[in-house]
């Protein structure tokens, strides 16, 4: 419909580059991005809870791992909707959270690999725990001084 309006108003430019077309197509208003963020984040929570429910069923370990990982991916994708994808990617790979980002993505991939192809339940559960911890550490990297507070708290508990 938008293309028809451009043609009728004489503003149709067929020589527009692919990058410009993608950016034009992905320019959503803040309210729309906020709504999709909420939908995607709620879906992520739903998938994680659903996966946890599968954990208690006989033979549901694979479903737990897959749905838990999908939930984390959906929650992570929701922040891309809120912040815009390029800005989010730049923030994810800043030096302050580069290690947390890499570990988080590796845990996501290894959880799915161990659940679907390697068929190692213990390893898959270990990666789920590591996935949770890495997502938590990654999230804390966005809060000023939160990582330092957690380190001090853990060190005081251990000593």
C-alpha atoms as a PDB file:
ATOM      1  CA  UNK A   1       0.000   0.000   0.000  1.00  0.00           C
ATOM      2  CA  UNK A   2       2.846   2.345   0.858  1.00  0.00           C
ATOM      3  CA  UNK A   3       4.510   1.651  -2.493  1.00  0.00           C
ATOM      4  CA  UNK A   4       1.262   2.493  -4.282  1.00  0.00           C
ATOM      5  CA  UNK A   5       1.138   5.828  -2.441  1.00  0.00           C
ATOM      6  CA  UNK A   6       4.726   6.585  -3.477  1.00  0.00           C
ATOM      7  CA  UNK A   7       4.030   5.768  -7.129  1.00  0.00           C
ATOM      8  CA  UNK A   8       0.862   7.863  -7.183  1.00  0.00           C
ATOM      9  CA  UNK A   9       2.571  10.824  -5.513  1.00  0.00           C
ATOM     10  CA  UNK A  10       5.600  10.569  -7.816  1.00  0.00           C
ATOM     11  CA  UNK A  11       8.039   9.778  -4.995  1.00  0.00           C
ATOM     12  CA  UNK A  12       8.840   6.203  -6.071  1.00  0.00           C
ATOM     13  CA  UNK A  13      12.571   5.706  -6.392  1.00  0.00           C
ATOM     14  CA  UNK A  14      13.319   2.210  -7.723  1.00  0.00           C
ATOM     15  CA  UNK A  15      17.062   2.782  -7.505  1.00  0.00           C
ATOM     16  CA  UNK A  16      16.963   2.863  -3.732  1.00  0.00           C
ATOM     17  CA  UNK A  17      19.695   0.611  -2.298  1.00  0.00           C
ATOM     18  CA  UNK A  18      19.084  -2.575  -0.348  1.00  0.00           C
ATOM     19  CA  UNK A  19      20.378  -1.024   2.879  1.00  0.00           C
ATOM     20  CA  UNK A  20      18.100   1.964   2.501  1.00  0.00           C
ATOM     21  CA  UNK A  21      15.145  -0.336   1.800  1.00  0.00           C
ATOM     22  CA  UNK A  22      15.861  -2.414   4.912  1.00  0.00           C
ATOM     23  CA  UNK A  23      16.246   0.675   7.086  1.00  0.00           C
ATOM     24  CA  UNK A  24      13.081   2.143   5.593  1.00  0.00           C
ATOM     25  CA  UNK A  25      11.147  -1.055   6.240  1.00  0.00           C
ATOM     26  CA  UNK A  26      12.434  -1.368   9.813  1.00  0.00           C
ATOM     27  CA  UNK A  27      11.671   2.153  10.942  1.00  0.00           C
ATOM     28  CA  UNK A  28       8.991   1.569  13.526  1.00  0.00           C
ATOM     29  CA  UNK A  29       7.579   4.149  15.867  1.00  0.00           C
ATOM     30  CA  UNK A  30       8.609   4.013  19.511  1.00  0.00           C
ATOM     31  CA  UNK A  31       5.125   2.869  20.567  1.00  0.00           C
ATOM     32  CA  UNK A  32       5.194   0.011  18.058  1.00  0.00           C
ATOM     33  CA  UNK A  33       8.676  -1.010  19.173  1.00  0.00           C
ATOM     34  CA  UNK A  34       7.545  -0.860  22.802  1.00  0.00           C
ATOM     35  CA  UNK A  35       4.538  -3.083  22.076  1.00  0.00           C
ATOM     36  CA  UNK A  36       6.656  -5.644  20.200  1.00  0.00           C
ATOM     37  CA  UNK A  37       9.257  -5.534  22.954  1.00  0.00           C
ATOM     38  CA  UNK A  38       6.565  -6.421  25.505  1.00  0.00           C
ATOM     39  CA  UNK A  39       5.144  -9.184  23.284  1.00  0.00           C
ATOM     40  CA  UNK A  40       8.575 -10.683  22.592  1.00  0.00           C
ATOM     41  CA  UNK A  41       9.648 -10.434  26.238  1.00  0.00           C
ATOM     42  CA  UNK A  42       6.440 -12.057  27.485  1.00  0.00           C
ATOM     43  CA  UNK A  43       6.879 -14.824  24.890  1.00  0.00           C
ATOM     44  CA  UNK A  44      10.418 -15.337  26.178  1.00  0.00           C
ATOM     45  CA  UNK A  45       9.179 -15.664  29.746  1.00  0.00           C
ATOM     46  CA  UNK A  46       6.367 -17.972  28.600  1.00  0.00           C
ATOM     47  CA  UNK A  47       8.799 -20.233  26.706  1.00  0.00           C
ATOM     48  CA  UNK A  48      11.138 -20.387  29.702  1.00  0.00           C
ATOM     49  CA  UNK A  49       8.308 -21.282  32.098  1.00  0.00           C
ATOM     50  CA  UNK A  50       6.890 -23.792  29.624  1.00  0.00           C
ATOM     51  CA  UNK A  51      10.331 -25.349  29.294  1.00  0.00           C
ATOM     52  CA  UNK A  52      10.613 -25.574  33.064  1.00  0.00           C
ATOM     53  CA  UNK A  53       7.263 -27.368  33.120  1.00  0.00           C
ATOM     54  CA  UNK A  54       8.614 -29.889  30.602  1.00  0.00           C
ATOM     55  CA  UNK A  55      11.530 -30.572  32.940  1.00  0.00           C
ATOM     56  CA  UNK A  56       9.199 -32.397  35.326  1.00  0.00           C
ATOM     57  CA  UNK A  57       7.682 -34.648  32.659  1.00  0.00           C
ATOM     58  CA  UNK A  58       9.270 -38.014  31.917  1.00  0.00           C
ATOM     59  CA  UNK A  59      11.618 -37.596  28.960  1.00  0.00           C
ATOM     60  CA  UNK A  60      10.965 -33.858  28.831  1.00  0.00           C
ATOM     61  CA  UNK A  61      14.580 -32.819  29.268  1.00  0.00           C
ATOM     62  CA  UNK A  62      15.050 -32.083  25.548  1.00  0.00           C
ATOM     63  CA  UNK A  63      11.910 -29.960  25.455  1.00  0.00           C
ATOM     64  CA  UNK A  64      13.050 -28.131  28.566  1.00  0.00           C
ATOM     65  CA  UNK A  65      16.400 -27.264  27.033  1.00  0.00           C
ATOM     66  CA  UNK A  66      14.953 -26.188  23.702  1.00  0.00           C
ATOM     67  CA  UNK A  67      12.132 -24.065  25.157  1.00  0.00           C
ATOM     68  CA  UNK A  68      14.364 -22.553  27.841  1.00  0.00           C
ATOM     69  CA  UNK A  69      16.901 -21.546  25.173  1.00  0.00           C
ATOM     70  CA  UNK A  70      14.151 -20.188  22.888  1.00  0.00           C
ATOM     71  CA  UNK A  71      12.854 -18.172  25.821  1.00  0.00           C
ATOM     72  CA  UNK A  72      16.260 -16.627  26.398  1.00  0.00           C
ATOM     73  CA  UNK A  73      16.659 -15.868  22.695  1.00  0.00           C
ATOM     74  CA  UNK A  74      13.220 -14.221  22.581  1.00  0.00           C
ATOM     75  CA  UNK A  75      14.007 -12.136  25.663  1.00  0.00           C
ATOM     76  CA  UNK A  76      17.305 -11.069  24.122  1.00  0.00           C
ATOM     77  CA  UNK A  77      15.605 -10.257  20.815  1.00  0.00           C
ATOM     78  CA  UNK A  78      13.075  -8.118  22.648  1.00  0.00           C
ATOM     79  CA  UNK A  79      15.834  -5.739  23.696  1.00  0.00           C
ATOM     80  CA  UNK A  80      16.828  -5.378  20.042  1.00  0.00           C
ATOM     81  CA  UNK A  81      13.307  -4.219  19.307  1.00  0.00           C
ATOM     82  CA  UNK A  82      13.371  -1.701  22.109  1.00  0.00           C
ATOM     83  CA  UNK A  83      16.820  -0.306  21.462  1.00  0.00           C
ATOM     84  CA  UNK A  84      17.079  -0.813  17.678  1.00  0.00           C
ATOM     85  CA  UNK A  85      19.104  -3.752  16.430  1.00  0.00           C
ATOM     86  CA  UNK A  86      22.335  -2.013  15.395  1.00  0.00           C
ATOM     87  CA  UNK A  87      22.551  -0.001  18.607  1.00  0.00           C
ATOM     88  CA  UNK A  88      21.916  -3.170  20.617  1.00  0.00           C
ATOM     89  CA  UNK A  89      24.595  -5.108  18.717  1.00  0.00           C
ATOM     90  CA  UNK A  90      27.112  -2.309  19.272  1.00  0.00           C
ATOM     91  CA  UNK A  91      26.331  -2.287  22.990  1.00  0.00           C
ATOM     92  CA  UNK A  92      26.521  -6.079  23.211  1.00  0.00           C
ATOM     93  CA  UNK A  93      30.041  -6.139  21.821  1.00  0.00           C
ATOM     94  CA  UNK A  94      31.489  -3.231  23.810  1.00  0.00           C
ATOM     95  CA  UNK A  95      34.609  -4.163  25.754  1.00  0.00           C
ATOM     96  CA  UNK A  96      32.766  -4.059  29.097  1.00  0.00           C
ATOM     97  CA  UNK A  97      30.391  -6.857  28.096  1.00  0.00           C
ATOM     98  CA  UNK A  98      32.195  -8.629  25.265  1.00  0.00           C
ATOM     99  CA  UNK A  99      33.180 -11.644  27.356  1.00  0.00           C
ATOM    100  CA  UNK A 100      29.671 -11.956  28.833  1.00  0.00           C
ATOM    101  CA  UNK A 101      28.141 -11.759  25.347  1.00  0.00           C
ATOM    102  CA  UNK A 102      30.442 -14.403  23.877  1.00  0.00           C
ATOM    103  CA  UNK A 103      29.900 -16.781  26.805  1.00  0.00           C
ATOM    104  CA  UNK A 104      26.143 -16.207  26.640  1.00  0.00           C
ATOM    105  CA  UNK A 105      25.974 -17.043  22.922  1.00  0.00           C
ATOM    106  CA  UNK A 106      28.237 -20.066  23.352  1.00  0.00           C
ATOM    107  CA  UNK A 107      26.022 -21.376  26.154  1.00  0.00           C
ATOM    108  CA  UNK A 108      22.916 -20.901  23.997  1.00  0.00           C
ATOM    109  CA  UNK A 109      24.491 -22.837  21.121  1.00  0.00           C
ATOM    110  CA  UNK A 110      26.009 -25.555  23.315  1.00  0.00           C
ATOM    111  CA  UNK A 111      22.711 -26.105  25.150  1.00  0.00           C
ATOM    112  CA  UNK A 112      20.909 -26.730  21.885  1.00  0.00           C
ATOM    113  CA  UNK A 113      23.742 -28.907  20.534  1.00  0.00           C
ATOM    114  CA  UNK A 114      23.895 -31.042  23.666  1.00  0.00           C
ATOM    115  CA  UNK A 115      20.117 -31.450  23.752  1.00  0.00           C
ATOM    116  CA  UNK A 116      19.447 -32.122  20.073  1.00  0.00           C
ATOM    117  CA  UNK A 117      22.576 -33.748  18.658  1.00  0.00           C
ATOM    118  CA  UNK A 118      24.948 -34.862  21.383  1.00  0.00           C
ATOM    119  CA  UNK A 119      22.185 -36.407  23.560  1.00  0.00           C
ATOM    120  CA  UNK A 120      24.078 -35.712  26.799  1.00  0.00           C
ATOM    121  CA  UNK A 121      21.534 -34.777  29.472  1.00  0.00           C
ATOM    122  CA  UNK A 122      24.017 -33.870  32.181  1.00  0.00           C
ATOM    123  CA  UNK A 123      25.991 -31.699  29.816  1.00  0.00           C
ATOM    124  CA  UNK A 124      22.807 -30.025  28.574  1.00  0.00           C
ATOM    125  CA  UNK A 125      21.711 -29.232  32.129  1.00  0.00           C
ATOM    126  CA  UNK A 126      25.159 -27.835  32.882  1.00  0.00           C
ATOM    127  CA  UNK A 127      24.887 -25.584  29.833  1.00  0.00           C
ATOM    128  CA  UNK A 128      21.411 -24.474  30.954  1.00  0.00           C
ATOM    129  CA  UNK A 129      22.833 -23.433  34.315  1.00  0.00           C
ATOM    130  CA  UNK A 130      25.737 -21.687  32.592  1.00  0.00           C
ATOM    131  CA  UNK A 131      23.239 -20.065  30.214  1.00  0.00           C
ATOM    132  CA  UNK A 132      21.268 -18.695  33.159  1.00  0.00           C
ATOM    133  CA  UNK A 133      24.400 -17.408  34.875  1.00  0.00           C
ATOM    134  CA  UNK A 134      25.788 -15.848  31.699  1.00  0.00           C
ATOM    135  CA  UNK A 135      22.460 -14.159  30.893  1.00  0.00           C
ATOM    136  CA  UNK A 136      22.357 -12.807  34.452  1.00  0.00           C
ATOM    137  CA  UNK A 137      25.930 -11.526  34.236  1.00  0.00           C
ATOM    138  CA  UNK A 138      25.212 -10.016  30.798  1.00  0.00           C
ATOM    139  CA  UNK A 139      22.103  -8.270  32.178  1.00  0.00           C
ATOM    140  CA  UNK A 140      24.057  -6.950  35.161  1.00  0.00           C
ATOM    141  CA  UNK A 141      26.555  -5.365  32.773  1.00  0.00           C
ATOM    142  CA  UNK A 142      23.875  -2.829  31.806  1.00  0.00           C
ATOM    143  CA  UNK A 143      23.390  -1.699  35.421  1.00  0.00           C
ATOM    144  CA  UNK A 144      26.000   0.701  36.751  1.00  0.00           C
ATOM    145  CA  UNK A 145      28.182  -0.898  39.459  1.00  0.00           C
ATOM    146  CA  UNK A 146      25.953  -4.018  39.638  1.00  0.00           C
ATOM    147  CA  UNK A 147      28.728  -6.441  38.717  1.00  0.00           C
ATOM    148  CA  UNK A 148      30.997  -4.951  41.372  1.00  0.00           C
ATOM    149  CA  UNK A 149      28.251  -5.281  43.984  1.00  0.00           C
ATOM    150  CA  UNK A 150      27.644  -8.940  43.084  1.00  0.00           C
ATOM    151  CA  UNK A 151      31.380  -9.705  43.226  1.00  0.00           C
ATOM    152  CA  UNK A 152      31.686  -8.041  46.650  1.00  0.00           C
ATOM    153  CA  UNK A 153      28.613  -9.894  47.918  1.00  0.00           C
ATOM    154  CA  UNK A 154      29.875 -13.265  46.713  1.00  0.00           C
ATOM    155  CA  UNK A 155      33.365 -12.681  48.082  1.00  0.00           C
ATOM    156  CA  UNK A 156      31.969 -11.702  51.486  1.00  0.00           C
ATOM    157  CA  UNK A 157      29.817 -14.852  51.507  1.00  0.00           C
ATOM    158  CA  UNK A 158      32.789 -17.060  50.642  1.00  0.00           C
ATOM    159  CA  UNK A 159      35.112 -15.564  53.274  1.00  0.00           C
END
